[in-house]
Amino acid sequence: MYEWVGRGGGLLIFLPFEWFRYFHLAHHRFTNIPNKDPELAGDQTHYDAWRPFLWHVSGLPYWGTMLKQIVVNALLGADADYLPERAKPRIMREGRWVFVIYVLAITSLFWTSLLVWVWIVPLLLGQPFLRLYLMAEHGRCPQVANMLDNSRTTYTNAVVRFLAWNMPYHTEHHVYPAVPFYRLPDLHDAIREHLLHEQDGYARFTRETVTKF
């Protein structure tokens, strides 16, 4: 059941589930390590200047990358160091089903604009907030193997913690990824004295980032 929830959620945000599970596993194995962590692939200058920062926060690079990945998965077959050979046929099968569903969704626009307003527009509007949220997880942290040093815990309100399944306790999540989300606050209390990067809110992280430009 959990895998189908993942597939459904991935379908809604243009994130292929079967491919992403290995992408994210590699991220956990090689967090913030250049040439090994796939999240570091591409341009990382959005921490250095206004133009790349705004381009990144717009979400447009994400949409371009994901749409390309969906086409590759469906038509060519995904290929990356972190993908086991046994998973590639499964990734391609999922990619083809996803591709068909998106084609049907686009076709529906000839009769109704409903999907534009209940799906596409909310995705586009929400993406900048997600980019800012995700930047705080590892942004400006050292590119080292020590999970206590390459991740950041951000203190925020109960609403954000609920919506994000306690992932603002991100250092805790990376140090002990097997701990379920509902126990992360307890884990935080147990290891807080060992945390190396803590931030009081996402707005403050963003302000500190842009003031360094």
N, C-alpha and C. Protein backbone atom coordinates (compact mmCIF):
# COMPACT_ATOMS: atom_id res chain seq x y z
N MET A 1 0.82 -1.20 0.00
CA MET A 1 0.00 0.00 0.00
C MET A 1 0.87 1.27 0.00
N TYR A 2 1.95 1.25 0.81
CA TYR A 2 2.79 2.43 0.91
C TYR A 2 3.43 2.79 -0.43
N GLU A 3 3.80 1.75 -1.19
CA GLU A 3 4.40 2.02 -2.49
C GLU A 3 3.40 2.68 -3.43
N TRP A 4 2.15 2.29 -3.36
CA TRP A 4 1.15 2.91 -4.22
C TRP A 4 0.86 4.35 -3.81
N VAL A 5 0.95 4.61 -2.51
CA VAL A 5 0.84 6.00 -2.06
C VAL A 5 1.99 6.81 -2.64
N GLY A 6 3.20 6.22 -2.63
CA GLY A 6 4.36 6.89 -3.20
C GLY A 6 4.19 7.13 -4.70
N ARG A 7 3.69 6.14 -5.40
CA ARG A 7 3.47 6.30 -6.84
C ARG A 7 2.45 7.39 -7.14
N GLY A 8 1.36 7.40 -6.35
CA GLY A 8 0.34 8.41 -6.56
C GLY A 8 0.85 9.80 -6.26
N GLY A 9 1.57 9.94 -5.16
CA GLY A 9 2.12 11.24 -4.82
C GLY A 9 3.14 11.71 -5.85
N GLY A 10 3.99 10.78 -6.30
CA GLY A 10 4.97 11.13 -7.32
C GLY A 10 4.33 11.55 -8.63
N LEU A 11 3.24 10.88 -8.98
CA LEU A 11 2.52 11.24 -10.21
C LEU A 11 2.02 12.68 -10.15
N LEU A 12 1.54 13.09 -9.00
CA LEU A 12 0.97 14.43 -8.87
C LEU A 12 2.02 15.53 -8.94
N ILE A 13 3.25 15.23 -8.53
CA ILE A 13 4.29 16.28 -8.52
C ILE A 13 5.37 16.02 -9.57
N PHE A 14 5.08 15.16 -10.54
CA PHE A 14 6.00 14.89 -11.65
C PHE A 14 7.34 14.33 -11.13
N LEU A 15 7.26 13.42 -10.18
CA LEU A 15 8.44 12.81 -9.58
C LEU A 15 8.29 11.30 -9.65
N PRO A 16 8.91 10.63 -10.64
CA PRO A 16 8.72 9.20 -10.83
C PRO A 16 9.18 8.40 -9.61
N PHE A 17 8.26 7.68 -9.01
CA PHE A 17 8.52 7.01 -7.73
C PHE A 17 9.63 5.97 -7.81
N GLU A 18 9.55 5.06 -8.79
CA GLU A 18 10.53 3.98 -8.86
C GLU A 18 11.95 4.51 -9.06
N TRP A 19 12.08 5.56 -9.85
CA TRP A 19 13.39 6.17 -10.06
C TRP A 19 13.83 6.93 -8.82
N PHE A 20 12.90 7.68 -8.20
CA PHE A 20 13.27 8.55 -7.09
C PHE A 20 13.71 7.76 -5.85
N ARG A 21 13.18 6.57 -5.65
CA ARG A 21 13.55 5.82 -4.45
C ARG A 21 15.05 5.53 -4.45
N TYR A 22 15.64 5.27 -5.62
CA TYR A 22 17.08 5.03 -5.69
C TYR A 22 17.87 6.33 -5.69
N PHE A 23 17.34 7.35 -6.30
CA PHE A 23 17.94 8.69 -6.24
C PHE A 23 18.06 9.13 -4.79
N HIS A 24 16.98 8.96 -4.04
CA HIS A 24 16.97 9.42 -2.65
C HIS A 24 17.85 8.54 -1.76
N LEU A 25 17.91 7.26 -2.06
CA LEU A 25 18.81 6.38 -1.31
C LEU A 25 20.25 6.81 -1.49
N ALA A 26 20.63 7.15 -2.72
CA ALA A 26 21.99 7.63 -2.98
C ALA A 26 22.24 8.94 -2.25
N HIS A 27 21.22 9.78 -2.17
CA HIS A 27 21.35 11.04 -1.42
C HIS A 27 21.66 10.75 0.05
N HIS A 28 21.01 9.74 0.61
CA HIS A 28 21.25 9.41 2.01
C HIS A 28 22.62 8.75 2.20
N ARG A 29 23.04 7.98 1.25
CA ARG A 29 24.35 7.32 1.38
C ARG A 29 25.50 8.31 1.24
N PHE A 30 25.34 9.28 0.37
CA PHE A 30 26.44 10.20 0.04
C PHE A 30 26.02 11.66 0.23
N THR A 31 25.36 11.95 1.33
CA THR A 31 24.82 13.28 1.56
C THR A 31 25.87 14.37 1.43
N ASN A 32 25.60 15.31 0.50
CA ASN A 32 26.43 16.51 0.31
C ASN A 32 27.85 16.20 -0.16
N ILE A 33 28.07 15.01 -0.71
CA ILE A 33 29.39 14.66 -1.24
C ILE A 33 29.40 14.91 -2.74
N PRO A 34 30.21 15.84 -3.24
CA PRO A 34 30.24 16.14 -4.67
C PRO A 34 30.52 14.89 -5.51
N ASN A 35 29.86 14.81 -6.64
CA ASN A 35 30.00 13.72 -7.61
C ASN A 35 29.43 12.40 -7.10
N LYS A 36 28.85 12.38 -5.90
CA LYS A 36 28.22 11.16 -5.39
C LYS A 36 26.76 11.40 -4.99
N ASP A 37 26.50 12.52 -4.35
CA ASP A 37 25.13 12.86 -3.99
C ASP A 37 24.42 13.41 -5.22
N PRO A 38 23.39 12.70 -5.73
CA PRO A 38 22.73 13.19 -6.96
C PRO A 38 22.01 14.51 -6.77
N GLU A 39 21.70 14.89 -5.54
CA GLU A 39 21.06 16.18 -5.31
C GLU A 39 22.00 17.35 -5.60
N LEU A 40 23.30 17.07 -5.66
CA LEU A 40 24.27 18.12 -5.95
C LEU A 40 24.55 18.26 -7.44
N ALA A 41 23.95 17.40 -8.24
CA ALA A 41 24.18 17.47 -9.68
C ALA A 41 23.66 18.78 -10.24
N GLY A 42 24.38 19.35 -11.18
CA GLY A 42 23.96 20.60 -11.80
C GLY A 42 24.56 21.81 -11.12
N ASP A 43 23.97 22.94 -11.38
CA ASP A 43 24.50 24.22 -10.90
C ASP A 43 24.12 24.45 -9.44
N GLN A 44 25.11 24.71 -8.59
CA GLN A 44 24.87 24.97 -7.18
C GLN A 44 25.10 26.44 -6.82
N THR A 45 25.13 27.31 -7.82
CA THR A 45 25.45 28.72 -7.56
C THR A 45 24.29 29.49 -6.97
N HIS A 46 23.14 28.83 -6.73
CA HIS A 46 22.00 29.55 -6.19
C HIS A 46 22.22 29.98 -4.74
N TYR A 47 23.33 29.61 -4.15
CA TYR A 47 23.68 30.12 -2.82
C TYR A 47 24.62 31.31 -2.91
N ASP A 48 24.95 31.75 -4.12
CA ASP A 48 26.03 32.73 -4.29
C ASP A 48 25.61 34.08 -4.87
N ALA A 49 24.49 34.14 -5.59
CA ALA A 49 24.13 35.38 -6.27
C ALA A 49 22.62 35.42 -6.51
N TRP A 50 22.08 36.64 -6.69
CA TRP A 50 20.64 36.81 -6.83
C TRP A 50 20.07 36.09 -8.05
N ARG A 51 20.71 36.23 -9.18
CA ARG A 51 20.13 35.67 -10.41
C ARG A 51 19.96 34.15 -10.34
N PRO A 52 21.02 33.39 -10.02
CA PRO A 52 20.81 31.94 -9.92
C PRO A 52 19.91 31.55 -8.76
N PHE A 53 19.93 32.34 -7.69
CA PHE A 53 19.05 32.07 -6.56
C PHE A 53 17.58 32.16 -6.99
N LEU A 54 17.21 33.25 -7.65
CA LEU A 54 15.82 33.44 -8.08
C LEU A 54 15.42 32.42 -9.13
N TRP A 55 16.35 32.08 -10.01
CA TRP A 55 16.06 31.06 -11.03
C TRP A 55 15.78 29.72 -10.37
N HIS A 56 16.57 29.37 -9.37
CA HIS A 56 16.37 28.11 -8.65
C HIS A 56 15.05 28.12 -7.90
N VAL A 57 14.77 29.21 -7.17
CA VAL A 57 13.57 29.29 -6.36
C VAL A 57 12.30 29.31 -7.22
N SER A 58 12.38 29.77 -8.42
CA SER A 58 11.21 29.78 -9.31
C SER A 58 10.65 28.38 -9.55
N GLY A 59 11.50 27.37 -9.41
CA GLY A 59 11.07 26.00 -9.67
C GLY A 59 11.21 25.57 -11.11
N LEU A 60 11.49 26.51 -12.00
CA LEU A 60 11.59 26.16 -13.43
C LEU A 60 12.68 25.13 -13.72
N PRO A 61 13.87 25.23 -13.10
CA PRO A 61 14.87 24.17 -13.34
C PRO A 61 14.36 22.80 -12.90
N TYR A 62 13.62 22.75 -11.80
CA TYR A 62 13.06 21.47 -11.32
C TYR A 62 12.11 20.89 -12.35
N TRP A 63 11.17 21.71 -12.85
CA TRP A 63 10.21 21.20 -13.82
C TRP A 63 10.91 20.70 -15.07
N GLY A 64 11.91 21.44 -15.54
CA GLY A 64 12.64 20.99 -16.73
C GLY A 64 13.34 19.67 -16.51
N THR A 65 13.99 19.54 -15.36
CA THR A 65 14.72 18.31 -15.05
C THR A 65 13.77 17.12 -14.93
N MET A 66 12.65 17.32 -14.25
CA MET A 66 11.72 16.21 -14.02
C MET A 66 11.01 15.80 -15.31
N LEU A 67 10.62 16.76 -16.13
CA LEU A 67 9.97 16.40 -17.39
C LEU A 67 10.93 15.63 -18.29
N LYS A 68 12.19 16.05 -18.30
CA LYS A 68 13.19 15.32 -19.06
C LYS A 68 13.37 13.91 -18.51
N GLN A 69 13.40 13.79 -17.18
CA GLN A 69 13.58 12.47 -16.56
C GLN A 69 12.42 11.54 -16.89
N ILE A 70 11.22 12.08 -16.89
CA ILE A 70 10.04 11.27 -17.21
C ILE A 70 10.13 10.74 -18.64
N VAL A 71 10.52 11.58 -19.58
CA VAL A 71 10.65 11.15 -20.97
C VAL A 71 11.75 10.11 -21.11
N VAL A 72 12.88 10.35 -20.46
CA VAL A 72 13.99 9.38 -20.50
C VAL A 72 13.55 8.04 -19.93
N ASN A 73 12.90 8.06 -18.77
CA ASN A 73 12.46 6.82 -18.15
C ASN A 73 11.53 6.03 -19.06
N ALA A 74 10.64 6.74 -19.75
CA ALA A 74 9.63 6.07 -20.56
C ALA A 74 10.15 5.60 -21.91
N LEU A 75 11.00 6.40 -22.55
CA LEU A 75 11.36 6.12 -23.93
C LEU A 75 12.78 5.57 -24.11
N LEU A 76 13.69 5.97 -23.27
CA LEU A 76 15.09 5.57 -23.44
C LEU A 76 15.59 4.62 -22.37
N GLY A 77 15.03 4.73 -21.19
CA GLY A 77 15.49 3.94 -20.06
C GLY A 77 16.46 4.73 -19.20
N ALA A 78 16.16 4.84 -17.92
CA ALA A 78 17.00 5.60 -17.01
C ALA A 78 18.35 4.92 -16.83
N ASP A 79 19.38 5.73 -16.66
CA ASP A 79 20.72 5.19 -16.46
C ASP A 79 21.50 6.12 -15.54
N ALA A 80 21.95 5.61 -14.42
CA ALA A 80 22.76 6.38 -13.48
C ALA A 80 23.51 5.39 -12.59
N ASP A 81 24.59 5.85 -11.99
CA ASP A 81 25.40 4.97 -11.15
C ASP A 81 24.62 4.40 -9.98
N TYR A 82 23.64 5.15 -9.49
CA TYR A 82 22.91 4.71 -8.31
C TYR A 82 21.73 3.78 -8.64
N LEU A 83 21.48 3.52 -9.92
CA LEU A 83 20.37 2.66 -10.31
C LEU A 83 20.84 1.22 -10.53
N PRO A 84 20.35 0.25 -9.75
CA PRO A 84 20.71 -1.15 -10.00
C PRO A 84 20.07 -1.64 -11.29
N GLU A 85 20.74 -2.54 -11.96
CA GLU A 85 20.24 -3.05 -13.24
C GLU A 85 18.86 -3.67 -13.10
N ARG A 86 18.62 -4.35 -11.98
CA ARG A 86 17.33 -5.04 -11.81
C ARG A 86 16.17 -4.07 -11.73
N ALA A 87 16.47 -2.80 -11.38
CA ALA A 87 15.39 -1.82 -11.22
C ALA A 87 15.05 -1.12 -12.53
N LYS A 88 15.93 -1.14 -13.50
CA LYS A 88 15.74 -0.35 -14.71
C LYS A 88 14.50 -0.75 -15.51
N PRO A 89 14.22 -2.06 -15.69
CA PRO A 89 12.97 -2.41 -16.41
C PRO A 89 11.72 -1.91 -15.67
N ARG A 90 11.75 -1.98 -14.35
CA ARG A 90 10.61 -1.51 -13.56
C ARG A 90 10.44 0.00 -13.68
N ILE A 91 11.56 0.71 -13.72
CA ILE A 91 11.51 2.17 -13.88
C ILE A 91 10.95 2.54 -15.25
N MET A 92 11.33 1.78 -16.27
CA MET A 92 10.82 2.06 -17.61
C MET A 92 9.33 1.77 -17.71
N ARG A 93 8.87 0.65 -17.11
CA ARG A 93 7.44 0.34 -17.14
C ARG A 93 6.63 1.44 -16.46
N GLU A 94 7.10 1.86 -15.29
CA GLU A 94 6.40 2.94 -14.61
C GLU A 94 6.42 4.21 -15.45
N GLY A 95 7.58 4.50 -16.06
CA GLY A 95 7.71 5.69 -16.88
C GLY A 95 6.70 5.71 -18.02
N ARG A 96 6.46 4.58 -18.63
CA ARG A 96 5.51 4.52 -19.75
C ARG A 96 4.08 4.74 -19.29
N TRP A 97 3.71 4.13 -18.15
CA TRP A 97 2.38 4.37 -17.61
C TRP A 97 2.19 5.83 -17.24
N VAL A 98 3.20 6.41 -16.61
CA VAL A 98 3.13 7.81 -16.22
C VAL A 98 3.01 8.70 -17.45
N PHE A 99 3.78 8.39 -18.47
CA PHE A 99 3.74 9.16 -19.71
C PHE A 99 2.35 9.13 -20.32
N VAL A 100 1.72 7.95 -20.34
CA VAL A 100 0.37 7.82 -20.90
C VAL A 100 -0.63 8.64 -20.08
N ILE A 101 -0.51 8.58 -18.76
CA ILE A 101 -1.43 9.34 -17.90
C ILE A 101 -1.29 10.84 -18.15
N TYR A 102 -0.06 11.31 -18.30
CA TYR A 102 0.14 12.74 -18.55
C TYR A 102 -0.41 13.14 -19.92
N VAL A 103 -0.26 12.27 -20.91
CA VAL A 103 -0.82 12.56 -22.24
C VAL A 103 -2.34 12.66 -22.16
N LEU A 104 -2.96 11.75 -21.40
CA LEU A 104 -4.41 11.81 -21.22
C LEU A 104 -4.82 13.08 -20.49
N ALA A 105 -4.02 13.48 -19.50
CA ALA A 105 -4.33 14.71 -18.76
C ALA A 105 -4.26 15.92 -19.67
N ILE A 106 -3.23 15.96 -20.53
CA ILE A 106 -3.10 17.07 -21.47
C ILE A 106 -4.27 17.07 -22.46
N THR A 107 -4.65 15.89 -22.92
CA THR A 107 -5.77 15.78 -23.86
C THR A 107 -7.06 16.32 -23.25
N SER A 108 -7.23 16.09 -21.94
CA SER A 108 -8.46 16.55 -21.27
C SER A 108 -8.60 18.06 -21.32
N LEU A 109 -7.50 18.77 -21.51
CA LEU A 109 -7.54 20.24 -21.51
C LEU A 109 -8.31 20.78 -22.72
N PHE A 110 -8.52 19.94 -23.75
CA PHE A 110 -9.30 20.38 -24.90
C PHE A 110 -10.79 20.50 -24.54
N TRP A 111 -11.21 19.84 -23.45
CA TRP A 111 -12.61 19.87 -23.04
C TRP A 111 -12.85 20.68 -21.77
N THR A 112 -11.85 20.70 -20.88
CA THR A 112 -12.04 21.41 -19.62
C THR A 112 -10.68 21.89 -19.08
N SER A 113 -10.71 23.02 -18.40
CA SER A 113 -9.48 23.55 -17.80
C SER A 113 -9.38 23.19 -16.32
N LEU A 114 -10.20 22.24 -15.87
CA LEU A 114 -10.26 21.90 -14.46
C LEU A 114 -8.89 21.52 -13.90
N LEU A 115 -8.15 20.67 -14.61
CA LEU A 115 -6.85 20.22 -14.11
C LEU A 115 -5.85 21.37 -13.98
N VAL A 116 -6.00 22.36 -14.83
CA VAL A 116 -5.11 23.51 -14.74
C VAL A 116 -5.25 24.19 -13.39
N TRP A 117 -6.49 24.37 -12.93
CA TRP A 117 -6.75 25.15 -11.71
C TRP A 117 -6.62 24.33 -10.44
N VAL A 118 -6.91 23.02 -10.50
CA VAL A 118 -6.84 22.22 -9.27
C VAL A 118 -5.53 21.45 -9.15
N TRP A 119 -4.70 21.47 -10.22
CA TRP A 119 -3.47 20.69 -10.19
C TRP A 119 -2.25 21.52 -10.60
N ILE A 120 -2.25 22.02 -11.84
CA ILE A 120 -1.06 22.67 -12.38
C ILE A 120 -0.76 23.99 -11.69
N VAL A 121 -1.75 24.86 -11.57
CA VAL A 121 -1.52 26.17 -10.94
C VAL A 121 -1.04 26.01 -9.49
N PRO A 122 -1.69 25.16 -8.65
CA PRO A 122 -1.17 24.97 -7.29
C PRO A 122 0.27 24.45 -7.26
N LEU A 123 0.62 23.56 -8.20
CA LEU A 123 2.00 23.06 -8.26
C LEU A 123 2.98 24.19 -8.54
N LEU A 124 2.64 25.02 -9.51
CA LEU A 124 3.53 26.11 -9.88
C LEU A 124 3.68 27.13 -8.75
N LEU A 125 2.58 27.41 -8.06
CA LEU A 125 2.62 28.39 -6.97
C LEU A 125 3.34 27.84 -5.74
N GLY A 126 3.21 26.55 -5.52
CA GLY A 126 3.82 25.96 -4.33
C GLY A 126 5.29 25.67 -4.46
N GLN A 127 5.78 25.50 -5.68
CA GLN A 127 7.17 25.09 -5.89
C GLN A 127 8.20 26.06 -5.29
N PRO A 128 8.05 27.38 -5.44
CA PRO A 128 9.04 28.28 -4.83
C PRO A 128 9.17 28.10 -3.32
N PHE A 129 8.04 27.88 -2.63
CA PHE A 129 8.10 27.65 -1.19
C PHE A 129 8.83 26.34 -0.87
N LEU A 130 8.61 25.32 -1.71
CA LEU A 130 9.31 24.06 -1.51
C LEU A 130 10.80 24.21 -1.75
N ARG A 131 11.18 24.97 -2.78
CA ARG A 131 12.62 25.18 -3.05
C ARG A 131 13.29 25.84 -1.84
N LEU A 132 12.65 26.86 -1.27
CA LEU A 132 13.22 27.55 -0.11
C LEU A 132 13.31 26.62 1.09
N TYR A 133 12.30 25.80 1.26
CA TYR A 133 12.29 24.83 2.36
C TYR A 133 13.44 23.83 2.21
N LEU A 134 13.60 23.30 1.01
CA LEU A 134 14.62 22.27 0.78
C LEU A 134 16.03 22.83 0.88
N MET A 135 16.21 24.08 0.50
CA MET A 135 17.55 24.67 0.56
C MET A 135 18.11 24.65 1.98
N ALA A 136 17.24 24.75 2.97
CA ALA A 136 17.71 24.79 4.35
C ALA A 136 18.21 23.44 4.84
N GLU A 137 17.83 22.36 4.19
CA GLU A 137 18.21 21.03 4.69
C GLU A 137 19.71 20.80 4.65
N HIS A 138 20.36 21.20 3.55
CA HIS A 138 21.80 20.96 3.43
C HIS A 138 22.56 22.18 2.91
N GLY A 139 21.83 23.21 2.50
CA GLY A 139 22.47 24.38 1.93
C GLY A 139 23.43 25.06 2.88
N ARG A 140 24.59 25.43 2.36
CA ARG A 140 25.65 26.10 3.13
C ARG A 140 26.24 25.21 4.22
N CYS A 141 25.96 23.91 4.18
CA CYS A 141 26.60 22.98 5.10
C CYS A 141 27.86 22.42 4.45
N PRO A 142 28.86 22.03 5.23
CA PRO A 142 30.09 21.48 4.64
C PRO A 142 29.82 20.23 3.81
N GLN A 143 30.59 20.08 2.77
CA GLN A 143 30.46 18.89 1.91
C GLN A 143 31.38 17.81 2.45
N VAL A 144 30.92 17.19 3.53
CA VAL A 144 31.68 16.17 4.24
C VAL A 144 30.76 14.98 4.50
N ALA A 145 31.36 13.85 4.89
CA ALA A 145 30.59 12.64 5.11
C ALA A 145 29.88 12.62 6.46
N ASN A 146 30.32 13.42 7.40
CA ASN A 146 29.73 13.45 8.74
C ASN A 146 28.30 13.97 8.68
N MET A 147 27.32 13.10 8.97
CA MET A 147 25.91 13.49 8.87
C MET A 147 25.54 14.61 9.85
N LEU A 148 26.25 14.71 10.95
CA LEU A 148 25.98 15.79 11.90
C LEU A 148 26.44 17.14 11.36
N ASP A 149 27.30 17.09 10.35
CA ASP A 149 27.90 18.32 9.84
C ASP A 149 27.41 18.69 8.45
N ASN A 150 26.77 17.76 7.74
CA ASN A 150 26.34 18.06 6.37
C ASN A 150 24.84 18.32 6.26
N SER A 151 24.15 18.35 7.39
CA SER A 151 22.70 18.55 7.39
C SER A 151 22.33 19.58 8.45
N ARG A 152 21.13 20.14 8.31
CA ARG A 152 20.70 21.20 9.21
C ARG A 152 19.31 20.89 9.77
N THR A 153 19.14 21.12 11.06
CA THR A 153 17.82 21.08 11.69
C THR A 153 17.28 22.50 11.78
N THR A 154 16.05 22.68 11.33
CA THR A 154 15.44 24.00 11.32
C THR A 154 14.24 24.01 12.26
N TYR A 155 14.21 24.96 13.17
CA TYR A 155 13.12 25.07 14.12
C TYR A 155 11.99 25.90 13.52
N THR A 156 10.81 25.34 13.52
CA THR A 156 9.67 25.97 12.87
C THR A 156 8.41 25.68 13.66
N ASN A 157 7.27 26.06 13.13
CA ASN A 157 6.02 25.88 13.87
C ASN A 157 5.42 24.50 13.66
N ALA A 158 4.41 24.19 14.45
CA ALA A 158 3.80 22.86 14.43
C ALA A 158 3.14 22.55 13.10
N VAL A 159 2.59 23.57 12.42
CA VAL A 159 1.92 23.34 11.14
C VAL A 159 2.93 22.83 10.10
N VAL A 160 4.08 23.49 9.99
CA VAL A 160 5.09 23.06 9.03
C VAL A 160 5.61 21.68 9.40
N ARG A 161 5.87 21.44 10.68
CA ARG A 161 6.34 20.11 11.09
C ARG A 161 5.33 19.04 10.73
N PHE A 162 4.04 19.33 10.90
CA PHE A 162 3.00 18.36 10.56
C PHE A 162 2.96 18.09 9.06
N LEU A 163 2.94 19.16 8.27
CA LEU A 163 2.87 19.01 6.82
C LEU A 163 4.11 18.31 6.26
N ALA A 164 5.26 18.53 6.89
CA ALA A 164 6.52 17.96 6.40
C ALA A 164 6.90 16.67 7.12
N TRP A 165 5.99 16.11 7.89
CA TRP A 165 6.25 14.85 8.59
C TRP A 165 7.52 14.93 9.43
N ASN A 166 7.69 16.04 10.12
CA ASN A 166 8.83 16.26 11.02
C ASN A 166 10.19 16.31 10.32
N MET A 167 10.19 16.48 9.01
CA MET A 167 11.46 16.55 8.31
C MET A 167 12.29 17.80 8.61
N PRO A 168 11.71 18.87 9.22
CA PRO A 168 12.61 19.94 9.67
C PRO A 168 13.67 19.44 10.66
N TYR A 169 13.39 18.34 11.35
CA TYR A 169 14.43 17.67 12.13
C TYR A 169 15.30 16.88 11.17
N HIS A 170 15.99 17.60 10.30
CA HIS A 170 16.62 16.93 9.16
C HIS A 170 17.95 16.27 9.50
N THR A 171 18.71 16.87 10.38
CA THR A 171 19.95 16.20 10.80
C THR A 171 19.61 14.88 11.46
N GLU A 172 18.62 14.89 12.31
CA GLU A 172 18.19 13.67 13.00
C GLU A 172 17.79 12.60 11.98
N HIS A 173 17.05 13.03 10.97
CA HIS A 173 16.59 12.10 9.93
C HIS A 173 17.76 11.48 9.18
N HIS A 174 18.81 12.25 8.93
CA HIS A 174 19.94 11.72 8.18
C HIS A 174 20.87 10.87 9.04
N VAL A 175 21.01 11.23 10.30
CA VAL A 175 21.88 10.45 11.18
C VAL A 175 21.26 9.07 11.44
N TYR A 176 19.94 9.05 11.66
CA TYR A 176 19.24 7.79 11.93
C TYR A 176 18.01 7.70 11.03
N PRO A 177 18.20 7.38 9.74
CA PRO A 177 17.08 7.41 8.79
C PRO A 177 16.02 6.34 9.06
N ALA A 178 16.33 5.32 9.85
CA ALA A 178 15.35 4.28 10.13
C ALA A 178 14.35 4.71 11.20
N VAL A 179 14.62 5.80 11.89
CA VAL A 179 13.68 6.29 12.91
C VAL A 179 12.43 6.83 12.23
N PRO A 180 11.24 6.36 12.58
CA PRO A 180 10.01 6.86 11.93
C PRO A 180 9.78 8.33 12.22
N PHE A 181 9.08 8.98 11.33
CA PHE A 181 8.91 10.44 11.40
C PHE A 181 8.29 10.89 12.71
N TYR A 182 7.41 10.08 13.28
CA TYR A 182 6.72 10.51 14.50
C TYR A 182 7.60 10.42 15.74
N ARG A 183 8.78 9.79 15.62
CA ARG A 183 9.71 9.73 16.75
C ARG A 183 10.87 10.71 16.60
N LEU A 184 10.91 11.47 15.52
CA LEU A 184 12.01 12.41 15.31
C LEU A 184 12.09 13.49 16.40
N PRO A 185 10.97 14.00 16.93
CA PRO A 185 11.10 14.95 18.04
C PRO A 185 11.80 14.35 19.25
N ASP A 186 11.51 13.07 19.55
CA ASP A 186 12.19 12.41 20.66
C ASP A 186 13.67 12.23 20.37
N LEU A 187 13.98 11.86 19.13
CA LEU A 187 15.39 11.72 18.74
C LEU A 187 16.10 13.06 18.85
N HIS A 188 15.42 14.11 18.45
CA HIS A 188 16.01 15.44 18.57
C HIS A 188 16.39 15.76 20.01
N ASP A 189 15.49 15.47 20.93
CA ASP A 189 15.77 15.73 22.34
C ASP A 189 16.98 14.93 22.82
N ALA A 190 17.16 13.73 22.26
CA ALA A 190 18.24 12.86 22.70
C ALA A 190 19.61 13.28 22.17
N ILE A 191 19.66 13.88 20.97
CA ILE A 191 20.96 14.17 20.36
C ILE A 191 21.19 15.65 20.12
N ARG A 192 20.33 16.51 20.63
CA ARG A 192 20.42 17.94 20.31
C ARG A 192 21.80 18.52 20.63
N GLU A 193 22.42 18.10 21.72
CA GLU A 193 23.72 18.68 22.09
C GLU A 193 24.80 18.36 21.08
N HIS A 194 24.55 17.40 20.19
CA HIS A 194 25.55 17.02 19.19
C HIS A 194 25.31 17.69 17.84
N LEU A 195 24.20 18.39 17.68
CA LEU A 195 23.89 19.03 16.40
C LEU A 195 24.88 20.16 16.12
N LEU A 196 25.32 20.25 14.88
CA LEU A 196 26.29 21.26 14.49
C LEU A 196 25.67 22.42 13.71
N HIS A 197 24.51 22.17 13.10
CA HIS A 197 23.87 23.22 12.29
C HIS A 197 22.39 23.28 12.65
N GLU A 198 22.01 24.36 13.32
CA GLU A 198 20.63 24.59 13.70
C GLU A 198 20.22 25.97 13.18
N GLN A 199 18.95 26.09 12.82
CA GLN A 199 18.47 27.36 12.28
C GLN A 199 17.12 27.69 12.88
N ASP A 200 16.96 28.93 13.31
CA ASP A 200 15.69 29.38 13.87
C ASP A 200 14.80 29.91 12.77
N GLY A 201 14.15 29.00 12.04
CA GLY A 201 13.18 29.37 11.03
C GLY A 201 13.72 29.43 9.62
N TYR A 202 12.85 29.16 8.64
CA TYR A 202 13.23 29.16 7.22
C TYR A 202 13.43 30.57 6.70
N ALA A 203 12.65 31.52 7.22
CA ALA A 203 12.82 32.92 6.77
C ALA A 203 14.20 33.43 7.15
N ARG A 204 14.67 33.08 8.34
CA ARG A 204 15.99 33.53 8.76
C ARG A 204 17.08 32.87 7.93
N PHE A 205 16.91 31.59 7.62
CA PHE A 205 17.90 30.93 6.75
C PHE A 205 17.98 31.64 5.41
N THR A 206 16.82 31.97 4.85
CA THR A 206 16.81 32.66 3.56
C THR A 206 17.46 34.02 3.65
N ARG A 207 17.16 34.77 4.70
CA ARG A 207 17.78 36.09 4.87
C ARG A 207 19.29 35.96 4.99
N GLU A 208 19.76 35.01 5.76
CA GLU A 208 21.21 34.83 5.92
C GLU A 208 21.86 34.41 4.60
N THR A 209 21.13 33.66 3.79
CA THR A 209 21.66 33.24 2.50
C THR A 209 21.82 34.43 1.57
N VAL A 210 20.77 35.22 1.42
CA VAL A 210 20.81 36.32 0.43
C VAL A 210 21.72 37.46 0.90
N THR A 211 21.89 37.63 2.19
CA THR A 211 22.78 38.71 2.65
C THR A 211 24.24 38.40 2.38
N LYS A 212 24.54 37.16 1.99
CA LYS A 212 25.93 36.80 1.64
C LYS A 212 26.23 37.06 0.17
N PHE A 213 25.24 37.46 -0.60
CA PHE A 213 25.47 37.70 -2.04
C PHE A 213 26.34 38.93 -2.22
